[in-house]
Amino acid sequence: MTPTPHDALFKATFSQPEHAAAALREVLPAAVAARIDFATLALQYLEHRRPSPADRAARGGCSRRRGRRPRRRS
């Protein structure tokens, strides 16, 4: 089951190459879409994983908390 309606829509659209091609043609600038061979679209199954400590260290130790805006005081 998909956790959100957005995820369900995205997966339904992009899990079928013909639907993905139609969606991309609609949103991409014409000059960009003209350079894509939509007939070659194919599914690629990728594994989603959390970054390892080594991945985080390679990025300079960034965490999700870094860069948050400080709270405003009333």
Protein backbone atom coordinates (compact mmCIF):
# COMPACT_ATOMS: atom_id res chain seq x y z
CA MET A 1 0.00 0.00 0.00
CA THR A 2 1.20 3.50 -0.80
CA PRO A 3 1.43 5.88 2.17
CA THR A 4 0.05 8.98 0.44
CA PRO A 5 -2.24 9.79 -2.49
CA HIS A 6 0.66 11.70 -4.08
CA ASP A 7 2.82 8.57 -4.01
CA ALA A 8 0.00 6.48 -5.46
CA LEU A 9 -0.51 8.93 -8.34
CA PHE A 10 3.21 9.15 -9.04
CA LYS A 11 3.64 5.37 -9.04
CA ALA A 12 0.56 4.80 -11.19
CA THR A 13 1.75 7.36 -13.75
CA PHE A 14 5.41 6.47 -13.90
CA SER A 15 5.10 2.69 -13.60
CA GLN A 16 3.78 2.52 -17.16
CA PRO A 17 6.15 3.95 -19.79
CA GLU A 18 3.34 5.12 -22.09
CA HIS A 19 1.73 7.08 -19.25
CA ALA A 20 5.09 8.46 -18.16
CA ALA A 21 5.80 9.62 -21.72
CA ALA A 22 2.46 11.42 -21.94
CA ALA A 23 2.97 13.10 -18.55
CA LEU A 24 6.49 14.21 -19.42
CA ARG A 25 5.40 15.58 -22.80
CA GLU A 26 2.85 17.73 -20.99
CA VAL A 27 5.21 19.24 -18.43
CA LEU A 28 8.55 19.50 -20.22
CA PRO A 29 9.38 22.45 -22.44
CA ALA A 30 8.85 21.54 -26.11
CA ALA A 31 12.55 21.94 -26.90
CA VAL A 32 13.46 19.43 -24.19
CA ALA A 33 10.69 16.96 -25.05
CA ALA A 34 11.75 17.04 -28.71
CA ARG A 35 15.18 15.69 -27.74
CA ILE A 36 13.83 12.68 -25.82
CA ASP A 37 13.18 9.35 -27.52
CA PHE A 38 10.09 8.40 -25.53
CA ALA A 39 9.96 5.00 -27.25
CA THR A 40 13.01 3.96 -25.22
CA LEU A 41 11.46 4.60 -21.81
CA ALA A 42 11.66 1.52 -19.60
CA LEU A 43 11.11 0.76 -15.95
CA GLN A 44 14.16 0.72 -13.73
CA TYR A 45 13.69 -0.80 -10.30
CA LEU A 46 15.85 0.96 -7.75
CA GLU A 47 16.20 0.24 -4.09
CA HIS A 48 15.51 3.10 -1.72
CA ARG A 49 17.87 3.12 1.22
CA ARG A 50 18.87 5.40 4.01
CA PRO A 51 22.32 6.95 3.72
CA SER A 52 24.97 5.07 5.64
CA PRO A 53 27.28 6.84 8.09
CA ALA A 54 29.98 6.69 5.37
CA ASP A 55 27.62 8.41 2.89
CA ARG A 56 26.87 11.13 5.45
CA ALA A 57 30.57 11.61 6.19
CA ALA A 58 31.31 11.92 2.45
CA ARG A 59 28.77 14.74 2.28
CA GLY A 60 30.43 16.55 5.14
CA GLY A 61 28.33 15.05 7.90
CA CYS A 62 25.14 16.85 6.90
CA SER A 63 22.05 15.96 8.79
CA ARG A 64 18.43 16.76 8.13
CA ARG A 65 18.45 19.21 11.00
CA ARG A 66 21.22 21.38 9.59
CA GLY A 67 20.05 24.50 7.84
CA ARG A 68 16.72 24.80 9.60
CA ARG A 69 15.55 28.30 10.22
CA PRO A 70 15.62 29.50 13.78
CA ARG A 71 12.27 29.94 15.46
CA ARG A 72 10.75 33.36 15.35
CA ARG A 73 10.18 35.01 18.63
CA SER A 74 6.89 36.79 19.13
